[in-house]
Amino acid sequence: MDSFEKMYSVKEVSAITGWSIDTVRRMIYRGHLKAVVLPQSGRRKRIYRSTRIAENALRQFLKANQN
């Protein structure tokens, strides 16, 4: 992975693929889609984690799972 590679949020991947946000998160959780979880910062405690998907990982996943 290139250090300056484009990283997509779960919401952006949802818009690109047409899947729901929950489906994208499920694919990440099950290990089908590789993602990076960003560390929490500040005092705010979130219920969810900030997750980013590398452009290359998304392309590989979509290419491997074409119909």
N, C-alpha and C. Protein backbone atom coordinates (compact mmCIF):
# COMPACT_ATOMS: atom_id res chain seq x y z
N MET A 1 0.85 -1.18 0.00
CA MET A 1 0.00 0.00 0.00
C MET A 1 0.89 1.23 0.00
N ASP A 2 0.65 2.11 -0.94
CA ASP A 2 1.38 3.36 -1.03
C ASP A 2 0.97 4.28 0.11
N SER A 3 1.93 5.00 0.70
CA SER A 3 1.62 5.84 1.86
C SER A 3 0.72 7.02 1.49
N PHE A 4 0.64 7.38 0.22
CA PHE A 4 -0.21 8.49 -0.21
C PHE A 4 -1.41 8.01 -1.01
N GLU A 5 -1.75 6.76 -0.83
CA GLU A 5 -2.87 6.18 -1.56
C GLU A 5 -4.20 6.77 -1.05
N LYS A 6 -5.15 6.89 -1.96
CA LYS A 6 -6.48 7.39 -1.60
C LYS A 6 -7.14 6.42 -0.63
N MET A 7 -7.70 6.96 0.44
CA MET A 7 -8.42 6.16 1.43
C MET A 7 -9.87 6.60 1.43
N TYR A 8 -10.78 5.63 1.42
CA TYR A 8 -12.21 5.91 1.41
C TYR A 8 -12.83 5.59 2.76
N SER A 9 -13.80 6.38 3.14
CA SER A 9 -14.58 6.08 4.34
C SER A 9 -15.60 5.01 4.00
N VAL A 10 -16.23 4.45 5.02
CA VAL A 10 -17.27 3.44 4.80
C VAL A 10 -18.42 4.06 4.00
N LYS A 11 -18.76 5.29 4.30
CA LYS A 11 -19.84 5.99 3.59
C LYS A 11 -19.50 6.17 2.11
N GLU A 12 -18.25 6.51 1.81
CA GLU A 12 -17.84 6.67 0.41
C GLU A 12 -17.86 5.34 -0.34
N VAL A 13 -17.40 4.27 0.30
CA VAL A 13 -17.44 2.95 -0.33
C VAL A 13 -18.89 2.53 -0.57
N SER A 14 -19.76 2.86 0.37
CA SER A 14 -21.18 2.57 0.22
C SER A 14 -21.75 3.26 -1.02
N ALA A 15 -21.38 4.52 -1.22
CA ALA A 15 -21.86 5.27 -2.38
C ALA A 15 -21.29 4.71 -3.69
N ILE A 16 -20.03 4.29 -3.68
CA ILE A 16 -19.38 3.76 -4.88
C ILE A 16 -19.99 2.42 -5.29
N THR A 17 -20.21 1.55 -4.31
CA THR A 17 -20.67 0.20 -4.61
C THR A 17 -22.19 0.07 -4.68
N GLY A 18 -22.91 1.00 -4.05
CA GLY A 18 -24.36 0.91 -4.02
C GLY A 18 -24.86 0.03 -2.88
N TRP A 19 -23.96 -0.39 -2.00
CA TRP A 19 -24.33 -1.19 -0.84
C TRP A 19 -24.66 -0.28 0.32
N SER A 20 -25.36 -0.81 1.30
CA SER A 20 -25.64 -0.03 2.51
C SER A 20 -24.36 0.07 3.35
N ILE A 21 -24.33 1.05 4.24
CA ILE A 21 -23.19 1.22 5.14
C ILE A 21 -23.02 -0.03 6.01
N ASP A 22 -24.14 -0.60 6.45
CA ASP A 22 -24.07 -1.81 7.28
C ASP A 22 -23.45 -2.98 6.52
N THR A 23 -23.75 -3.09 5.24
CA THR A 23 -23.18 -4.16 4.43
C THR A 23 -21.67 -3.99 4.30
N VAL A 24 -21.22 -2.76 4.06
CA VAL A 24 -19.78 -2.49 3.96
C VAL A 24 -19.09 -2.84 5.27
N ARG A 25 -19.66 -2.41 6.38
CA ARG A 25 -19.07 -2.73 7.70
C ARG A 25 -19.06 -4.25 7.93
N ARG A 26 -20.09 -4.94 7.51
CA ARG A 26 -20.15 -6.40 7.66
C ARG A 26 -19.06 -7.07 6.84
N MET A 27 -18.82 -6.58 5.63
CA MET A 27 -17.77 -7.14 4.77
C MET A 27 -16.39 -6.94 5.41
N ILE A 28 -16.20 -5.81 6.05
CA ILE A 28 -14.94 -5.54 6.75
C ILE A 28 -14.81 -6.47 7.95
N TYR A 29 -15.87 -6.56 8.75
CA TYR A 29 -15.86 -7.38 9.96
C TYR A 29 -15.58 -8.85 9.65
N ARG A 30 -16.14 -9.34 8.58
CA ARG A 30 -15.96 -10.74 8.19
C ARG A 30 -14.64 -11.00 7.48
N GLY A 31 -13.88 -9.94 7.19
CA GLY A 31 -12.57 -10.10 6.59
C GLY A 31 -12.57 -10.15 5.08
N HIS A 32 -13.69 -9.88 4.44
CA HIS A 32 -13.76 -9.90 2.98
C HIS A 32 -13.13 -8.65 2.37
N LEU A 33 -13.18 -7.55 3.09
CA LEU A 33 -12.68 -6.27 2.61
C LEU A 33 -11.68 -5.74 3.64
N LYS A 34 -10.46 -5.47 3.20
CA LYS A 34 -9.42 -5.00 4.11
C LYS A 34 -9.62 -3.52 4.42
N ALA A 35 -9.47 -3.19 5.70
CA ALA A 35 -9.65 -1.81 6.13
C ALA A 35 -8.69 -1.47 7.26
N VAL A 36 -8.52 -0.18 7.48
CA VAL A 36 -7.68 0.33 8.56
C VAL A 36 -8.59 1.06 9.54
N VAL A 37 -8.45 0.76 10.83
CA VAL A 37 -9.23 1.44 11.85
C VAL A 37 -8.36 2.55 12.42
N LEU A 38 -8.86 3.78 12.35
CA LEU A 38 -8.11 4.93 12.85
C LEU A 38 -8.22 5.00 14.36
N PRO A 39 -7.17 5.44 15.03
CA PRO A 39 -7.23 5.56 16.48
C PRO A 39 -8.18 6.68 16.91
N GLN A 40 -8.79 6.51 18.08
CA GLN A 40 -9.68 7.54 18.60
C GLN A 40 -8.83 8.71 19.08
N SER A 41 -9.36 9.90 18.96
CA SER A 41 -8.63 11.07 19.41
C SER A 41 -9.54 11.95 20.24
N GLY A 42 -8.94 12.67 21.14
CA GLY A 42 -9.70 13.62 21.95
C GLY A 42 -10.52 12.97 23.04
N ARG A 43 -11.43 13.74 23.58
CA ARG A 43 -12.25 13.28 24.69
C ARG A 43 -13.50 12.55 24.25
N ARG A 44 -13.89 12.75 23.02
CA ARG A 44 -15.13 12.17 22.53
C ARG A 44 -15.00 10.66 22.35
N LYS A 45 -15.87 9.93 22.98
CA LYS A 45 -15.88 8.47 22.84
C LYS A 45 -16.99 8.08 21.89
N ARG A 46 -16.63 7.50 20.78
CA ARG A 46 -17.60 7.11 19.77
C ARG A 46 -18.04 5.67 19.99
N ILE A 47 -19.24 5.39 19.59
CA ILE A 47 -19.72 4.01 19.62
C ILE A 47 -19.09 3.25 18.46
N TYR A 48 -18.90 3.93 17.33
CA TYR A 48 -18.32 3.30 16.15
C TYR A 48 -16.85 3.71 16.03
N ARG A 49 -16.13 3.03 15.17
CA ARG A 49 -14.73 3.35 14.92
C ARG A 49 -14.61 3.98 13.54
N SER A 50 -13.70 4.93 13.40
CA SER A 50 -13.44 5.52 12.09
C SER A 50 -12.62 4.51 11.29
N THR A 51 -13.18 4.12 10.16
CA THR A 51 -12.57 3.08 9.34
C THR A 51 -12.30 3.62 7.95
N ARG A 52 -11.18 3.27 7.39
CA ARG A 52 -10.83 3.69 6.04
C ARG A 52 -10.43 2.48 5.21
N ILE A 53 -10.82 2.50 3.95
CA ILE A 53 -10.52 1.42 3.01
C ILE A 53 -9.62 1.99 1.93
N ALA A 54 -8.49 1.36 1.70
CA ALA A 54 -7.56 1.82 0.67
C ALA A 54 -8.16 1.58 -0.71
N GLU A 55 -7.87 2.50 -1.63
CA GLU A 55 -8.40 2.39 -2.99
C GLU A 55 -7.98 1.08 -3.64
N ASN A 56 -6.73 0.68 -3.44
CA ASN A 56 -6.23 -0.56 -4.02
C ASN A 56 -6.98 -1.77 -3.45
N ALA A 57 -7.24 -1.78 -2.15
CA ALA A 57 -7.97 -2.89 -1.53
C ALA A 57 -9.39 -2.98 -2.07
N LEU A 58 -10.02 -1.83 -2.28
CA LEU A 58 -11.38 -1.81 -2.83
C LEU A 58 -11.38 -2.33 -4.27
N ARG A 59 -10.42 -1.89 -5.07
CA ARG A 59 -10.33 -2.36 -6.46
C ARG A 59 -10.11 -3.87 -6.52
N GLN A 60 -9.20 -4.39 -5.68
CA GLN A 60 -8.95 -5.82 -5.66
C GLN A 60 -10.19 -6.59 -5.26
N PHE A 61 -10.91 -6.11 -4.26
CA PHE A 61 -12.12 -6.78 -3.80
C PHE A 61 -13.17 -6.80 -4.91
N LEU A 62 -13.39 -5.66 -5.56
CA LEU A 62 -14.40 -5.59 -6.61
C LEU A 62 -14.02 -6.46 -7.81
N LYS A 63 -12.73 -6.48 -8.15
CA LYS A 63 -12.28 -7.30 -9.27
C LYS A 63 -12.44 -8.78 -8.97
N ALA A 64 -12.13 -9.19 -7.74
CA ALA A 64 -12.24 -10.59 -7.36
C ALA A 64 -13.69 -11.05 -7.23
N ASN A 65 -14.61 -10.13 -7.01
CA ASN A 65 -16.00 -10.50 -6.79
C ASN A 65 -16.94 -10.00 -7.88
N GLN A 66 -16.43 -9.89 -9.09
CA GLN A 66 -17.28 -9.51 -10.22
C GLN A 66 -18.23 -10.65 -10.54
N ASN A 67 -19.38 -10.30 -11.06
CA ASN A 67 -20.34 -11.35 -11.47
C ASN A 67 -20.16 -11.68 -12.92
